[in-house]
Amino acid sequence: MNAFVRSDQAAPEDGIKAGEVMLRVENVSLAFGGVRAITDVSFDILKGEIRAIIGPNGAGKTSMLNVINGFYHPQEGEIWFRGVKRSNMKPHQIAHQGIARTFQNIALFKGMSTLDNIMTGRLTMMRRNMLWQALWTGPAEAEEIRHREFVERIIDFLEIQHIRKMPVGRLPYGLQKRVELGRALAAEPQLLLLDEPMAGMNLEEKEDMSRFILDVNSQFGTTIALIEHDMSVVMDLSDRVVVLDYGKKIGDGTPDEVCRDQTVIDAYLGVSHD
């Protein structure tokens, strides 16, 4: 597999070493009117790990990702990223900090090509203003060429060269998921949030996506937090797992520890994995 090389516009080094806390969620609570989506949840994500967030439907998993990347602002609690307490920031500001994500429901521009969809992941790194980009000459042209070269390396890495010019709306579901991963990678995230990256895939597609996730983590050192319902995927991919149920944390540990936790078994797994 061809590896893509990060550009010189990646987020600066933060001094955090592998195994140290990159993101910390402290006593976060989120409510919509009288409905509590998250209640007093705390956990951390270590640099270099794959951290799974699991739980039954309605457990608050996607709400938690939305809090981490700024779509929602919690009424209580704090988010710390790279050792700094985060204020209420908008998603594009958090993207500039080095956090990118994919979505449970694919959010691509269906009429645009694979290449152009992945290019949108580079927008936070564009330095030339709209006038320069409209003229597409001089510095703006040179900048876009550099970004396109980086995107082409992502396309090679994800093995989607054959669909680079195809409108994504014509692609099968599994390939659309891969394009969405490519768009997130184009932002060169330090923390990558994946919301059910395997949902709706057949076994072969899951195996391919698992391989790419592992390679992104191991080859590029990207820290990953993922929501996933397939426990075999969770067991194979994740270093640690946090379990939510009705918006509350009911388990936290290695995959083996979580699968043997009776509270987790009763609320979610149903049977022991002994």
Protein backbone atom coordinates (compact mmCIF):
# COMPACT_ATOMS: atom_id res chain seq x y z
CA MET A 1 0.00 0.00 0.00
CA ASN A 2 1.29 3.46 -0.86
CA ALA A 3 1.61 5.79 2.13
CA PHE A 4 0.86 9.47 1.87
CA VAL A 5 3.24 11.95 3.48
CA ARG A 6 1.87 14.72 5.62
CA SER A 7 2.28 18.22 4.22
CA ASP A 8 4.29 20.98 5.86
CA GLN A 9 0.99 22.64 6.79
CA ALA A 10 0.05 20.02 9.36
CA ALA A 11 -0.77 21.08 12.90
CA PRO A 12 2.37 21.87 14.89
CA GLU A 13 3.85 19.38 17.34
CA ASP A 14 2.17 19.65 20.72
CA GLY A 15 4.81 18.06 22.93
CA ILE A 16 2.49 15.19 23.83
CA LYS A 17 4.16 11.79 23.66
CA ALA A 18 2.51 8.54 22.66
CA GLY A 19 0.49 7.16 25.53
CA GLU A 20 -0.12 10.55 27.14
CA VAL A 21 -3.57 12.13 27.30
CA MET A 22 -4.49 13.95 24.08
CA LEU A 23 -8.15 14.67 24.90
CA ARG A 24 -9.92 14.58 28.24
CA VAL A 25 -13.67 14.72 28.80
CA GLU A 26 -14.46 15.81 32.36
CA ASN A 27 -17.94 15.44 33.89
CA VAL A 28 -19.72 16.42 30.67
CA SER A 29 -23.51 16.69 30.67
CA LEU A 30 -25.68 17.59 27.68
CA ALA A 31 -29.45 18.06 27.59
CA PHE A 32 -31.98 19.00 24.94
CA GLY A 33 -34.85 20.58 26.82
CA GLY A 34 -35.81 18.01 29.43
CA VAL A 35 -34.03 15.13 27.69
CA ARG A 36 -30.60 14.21 29.07
CA ALA A 37 -28.39 12.96 26.24
CA ILE A 38 -25.19 12.76 28.33
CA THR A 39 -24.94 12.76 32.12
CA ASP A 40 -21.68 13.41 34.00
CA VAL A 41 -19.43 11.44 31.61
CA SER A 42 -15.64 11.44 32.00
CA PHE A 43 -12.98 9.60 29.99
CA ASP A 44 -9.75 10.31 28.14
CA ILE A 45 -8.17 9.51 24.79
CA LEU A 46 -4.44 8.77 24.72
CA LYS A 47 -2.19 9.89 21.91
CA GLY A 48 -1.65 7.10 19.40
CA GLU A 49 -4.49 4.83 20.54
CA ILE A 50 -7.71 3.63 18.96
CA ARG A 51 -10.46 4.40 21.46
CA ALA A 52 -13.87 2.81 20.89
CA ILE A 53 -17.15 4.26 22.17
CA ILE A 54 -19.90 1.65 22.31
CA GLY A 55 -23.40 1.26 23.69
CA PRO A 56 -26.99 0.56 22.62
CA ASN A 57 -28.92 2.90 20.32
CA GLY A 58 -29.73 6.16 22.08
CA ALA A 59 -26.82 5.79 24.52
CA GLY A 60 -25.37 9.22 23.66
CA LYS A 61 -22.43 8.07 21.54
CA THR A 62 -22.92 10.41 18.58
CA SER A 63 -23.85 13.25 20.94
CA MET A 64 -20.47 12.74 22.60
CA LEU A 65 -18.64 12.99 19.27
CA ASN A 66 -20.66 16.12 18.52
CA VAL A 67 -19.48 17.61 21.81
CA ILE A 68 -15.85 16.73 21.07
CA ASN A 69 -15.87 18.40 17.66
CA GLY A 70 -17.99 21.39 18.63
CA PHE A 71 -21.39 20.71 17.09
CA TYR A 72 -22.84 20.71 20.61
CA HIS A 73 -21.73 22.68 23.66
CA PRO A 74 -22.31 20.88 26.97
CA GLN A 75 -24.21 22.59 29.76
CA GLU A 76 -21.77 21.13 32.30
CA GLY A 77 -18.23 19.80 32.26
CA GLU A 78 -15.03 20.52 30.39
CA ILE A 79 -13.12 19.35 27.32
CA TRP A 80 -9.32 19.47 27.42
CA PHE A 81 -7.35 19.04 24.19
CA ARG A 82 -3.56 18.77 24.14
CA GLY A 83 -3.40 20.00 27.72
CA VAL A 84 -5.51 23.12 27.15
CA LYS A 85 -9.04 23.62 28.46
CA ARG A 86 -11.25 24.31 25.47
CA SER A 87 -13.76 27.12 25.32
CA ASN A 88 -17.00 26.85 23.34
CA MET A 89 -15.64 26.72 19.81
CA LYS A 90 -17.25 26.22 16.42
CA PRO A 91 -16.53 23.07 14.38
CA HIS A 92 -14.30 24.89 11.87
CA GLN A 93 -12.18 26.27 14.73
CA ILE A 94 -11.82 22.79 16.17
CA ALA A 95 -10.87 21.46 12.73
CA HIS A 96 -8.05 24.02 12.70
CA GLN A 97 -6.90 22.58 16.04
CA GLY A 98 -6.48 19.15 14.48
CA ILE A 99 -9.75 17.24 14.95
CA ALA A 100 -11.62 15.76 11.96
CA ARG A 101 -14.54 13.35 11.70
CA THR A 102 -16.78 11.21 9.55
CA PHE A 103 -20.53 10.89 10.05
CA GLN A 104 -23.00 8.11 10.77
CA ASN A 105 -24.98 9.15 7.70
CA ILE A 106 -22.65 9.80 4.78
CA ALA A 107 -22.26 13.55 4.26
CA LEU A 108 -20.66 13.86 0.83
CA PHE A 109 -21.35 16.17 -2.11
CA LYS A 110 -23.06 13.59 -4.30
CA GLY A 111 -22.69 15.47 -7.59
CA MET A 112 -18.95 16.08 -7.12
CA SER A 113 -16.17 13.66 -7.97
CA THR A 114 -14.20 11.63 -5.48
CA LEU A 115 -11.21 13.92 -6.01
CA ASP A 116 -13.22 17.10 -5.43
CA ASN A 117 -14.93 15.69 -2.33
CA ILE A 118 -11.58 14.85 -0.76
CA MET A 119 -10.26 18.28 -1.78
CA THR A 120 -12.90 19.89 0.43
CA GLY A 121 -11.00 18.44 3.38
CA ARG A 122 -8.13 20.80 2.53
CA LEU A 123 -10.23 23.98 2.82
CA THR A 124 -9.05 24.76 6.35
CA MET A 125 -5.49 24.83 4.99
CA MET A 126 -6.15 27.17 2.08
CA ARG A 127 -4.24 30.42 2.63
CA ARG A 128 -5.28 32.42 -0.44
CA ASN A 129 -8.49 34.47 -0.31
CA MET A 130 -11.54 34.02 -2.53
CA LEU A 131 -10.31 36.57 -5.08
CA TRP A 132 -7.05 34.71 -5.62
CA GLN A 133 -8.90 31.42 -5.87
CA ALA A 134 -11.36 32.84 -8.39
CA LEU A 135 -8.51 34.12 -10.55
CA TRP A 136 -6.64 30.80 -10.08
CA THR A 137 -3.30 32.20 -11.03
CA GLY A 138 0.07 32.75 -9.44
CA PRO A 139 0.18 31.82 -5.74
CA ALA A 140 -3.40 30.48 -5.74
CA GLU A 141 -2.64 28.09 -8.60
CA ALA A 142 0.55 26.87 -6.95
CA GLU A 143 -1.27 26.35 -3.66
CA GLU A 144 -4.06 24.31 -5.24
CA ILE A 145 -1.56 22.14 -7.09
CA ARG A 146 0.16 21.32 -3.79
CA HIS A 147 -3.17 20.41 -2.18
CA ARG A 148 -4.18 18.27 -5.17
CA GLU A 149 -0.89 16.39 -4.98
CA PHE A 150 -1.58 15.61 -1.32
CA VAL A 151 -5.12 14.46 -2.14
CA GLU A 152 -3.80 12.19 -4.89
CA ARG A 153 -1.57 10.50 -2.31
CA ILE A 154 -4.62 9.88 -0.12
CA ILE A 155 -6.44 8.41 -3.13
CA ASP A 156 -3.51 6.05 -3.70
CA PHE A 157 -3.41 5.13 0.00
CA LEU A 158 -7.14 4.25 0.04
CA GLU A 159 -6.83 2.37 -3.27
CA ILE A 160 -9.57 4.36 -5.01
CA GLN A 161 -7.67 5.54 -8.08
CA HIS A 162 -10.28 3.96 -10.36
CA ILE A 163 -13.07 6.20 -9.01
CA ARG A 164 -11.15 9.45 -8.61
CA LYS A 165 -13.19 11.24 -11.33
CA MET A 166 -16.55 9.58 -10.67
CA PRO A 167 -19.43 11.46 -8.98
CA VAL A 168 -19.69 9.95 -5.51
CA GLY A 169 -23.47 9.67 -5.79
CA ARG A 170 -22.91 6.86 -8.32
CA LEU A 171 -20.60 4.88 -6.05
CA PRO A 172 -21.63 1.88 -3.95
CA TYR A 173 -22.07 2.51 -0.25
CA GLY A 174 -18.77 0.99 0.85
CA LEU A 175 -16.75 3.16 -1.52
CA GLN A 176 -18.64 6.27 -0.41
CA LYS A 177 -17.56 5.45 3.16
CA ARG A 178 -13.97 5.23 1.95
CA VAL A 179 -14.23 8.60 0.20
CA GLU A 180 -15.57 10.15 3.40
CA LEU A 181 -12.58 8.73 5.29
CA GLY A 182 -10.34 10.26 2.66
CA ARG A 183 -11.92 13.67 3.12
CA ALA A 184 -11.29 13.49 6.87
CA LEU A 185 -7.68 12.42 6.31
CA ALA A 186 -7.19 15.36 3.95
CA ALA A 187 -7.44 17.67 6.96
CA GLU A 188 -4.36 15.92 8.45
CA PRO A 189 -6.03 15.40 11.84
CA GLN A 190 -4.21 14.61 15.03
CA LEU A 191 -7.49 13.18 16.37
CA LEU A 192 -9.81 11.41 13.93
CA LEU A 193 -13.43 10.78 14.99
CA LEU A 194 -15.22 7.97 13.13
CA ASP A 195 -18.98 7.60 13.62
CA GLU A 196 -19.91 4.01 12.73
CA PRO A 197 -17.39 3.62 9.88
CA MET A 198 -18.51 0.01 9.26
CA ALA A 199 -22.29 0.59 9.28
CA GLY A 200 -24.08 -1.03 6.35
CA MET A 201 -20.97 -2.77 5.01
CA ASN A 202 -20.57 -6.39 4.01
CA LEU A 203 -17.76 -8.53 5.46
CA GLU A 204 -15.24 -7.73 2.72
CA GLU A 205 -15.88 -4.00 3.00
CA LYS A 206 -15.49 -4.17 6.78
CA GLU A 207 -12.17 -5.95 6.41
CA ASP A 208 -10.93 -3.27 3.99
CA MET A 209 -12.06 -0.42 6.24
CA SER A 210 -10.49 -2.08 9.29
CA ARG A 211 -7.20 -2.36 7.43
CA PHE A 212 -7.23 1.32 6.48
CA ILE A 213 -8.08 2.41 10.03
CA LEU A 214 -5.23 0.34 11.45
CA ASP A 215 -2.82 1.72 8.84
CA VAL A 216 -3.84 5.32 9.53
CA ASN A 217 -3.22 4.70 13.21
CA SER A 218 0.04 2.76 12.93
CA GLN A 219 1.73 4.38 9.93
CA PHE A 220 0.81 8.01 10.57
CA GLY A 221 0.34 7.99 14.33
CA THR A 222 -3.17 9.39 14.05
CA THR A 223 -5.18 9.03 17.25
CA ILE A 224 -8.62 7.59 16.54
CA ALA A 225 -11.92 7.55 18.43
CA LEU A 226 -14.64 5.46 16.82
CA ILE A 227 -18.24 4.51 17.46
CA GLU A 228 -18.96 0.95 16.42
CA HIS A 229 -21.70 -1.64 17.03
CA ASP A 230 -19.85 -4.65 15.62
CA MET A 231 -18.13 -6.10 18.68
CA SER A 232 -15.76 -8.22 16.59
CA VAL A 233 -14.49 -5.00 15.00
CA VAL A 234 -14.19 -3.34 18.41
CA MET A 235 -12.24 -6.30 19.78
CA ASP A 236 -9.90 -6.36 16.77
CA LEU A 237 -9.23 -2.63 16.43
CA SER A 238 -9.47 -0.84 19.75
CA ASP A 239 -6.93 -0.41 22.52
CA ARG A 240 -9.54 0.75 25.03
CA VAL A 241 -13.32 0.97 25.12
CA VAL A 242 -15.73 3.31 26.91
CA VAL A 243 -19.35 2.11 27.22
CA LEU A 244 -22.35 4.44 27.42
CA ASP A 245 -25.94 3.58 28.31
CA TYR A 246 -28.77 6.13 28.53
CA GLY A 247 -26.13 8.87 28.44
CA LYS A 248 -24.14 7.53 31.39
CA LYS A 249 -20.76 5.79 31.42
CA ILE A 250 -21.14 2.20 32.60
CA GLY A 251 -17.78 0.74 31.58
CA ASP A 252 -14.23 1.71 30.64
CA GLY A 253 -11.18 -0.46 29.98
CA THR A 254 -9.58 -2.81 27.49
CA PRO A 255 -11.87 -4.76 25.15
CA ASP A 256 -11.39 -7.90 27.24
CA GLU A 257 -12.18 -6.08 30.48
CA VAL A 258 -15.30 -4.47 29.06
CA CYS A 259 -16.59 -7.74 27.61
CA ARG A 260 -16.33 -9.33 31.05
CA ASP A 261 -17.96 -6.47 32.92
CA GLN A 262 -21.31 -7.74 34.16
CA THR A 263 -22.90 -4.28 34.04
CA VAL A 264 -21.94 -3.96 30.37
CA ILE A 265 -23.12 -7.49 29.62
CA ASP A 266 -26.50 -6.81 31.21
CA ALA A 267 -27.01 -3.45 29.49
CA TYR A 268 -25.54 -4.05 26.04
CA LEU A 269 -23.74 -7.26 25.19
CA GLY A 270 -26.33 -9.70 26.48
CA VAL A 271 -23.89 -12.59 26.82
CA SER A 272 -20.45 -12.99 28.34
CA HIS A 273 -17.47 -13.40 26.01
CA ASP A 274 -15.70 -15.84 28.38
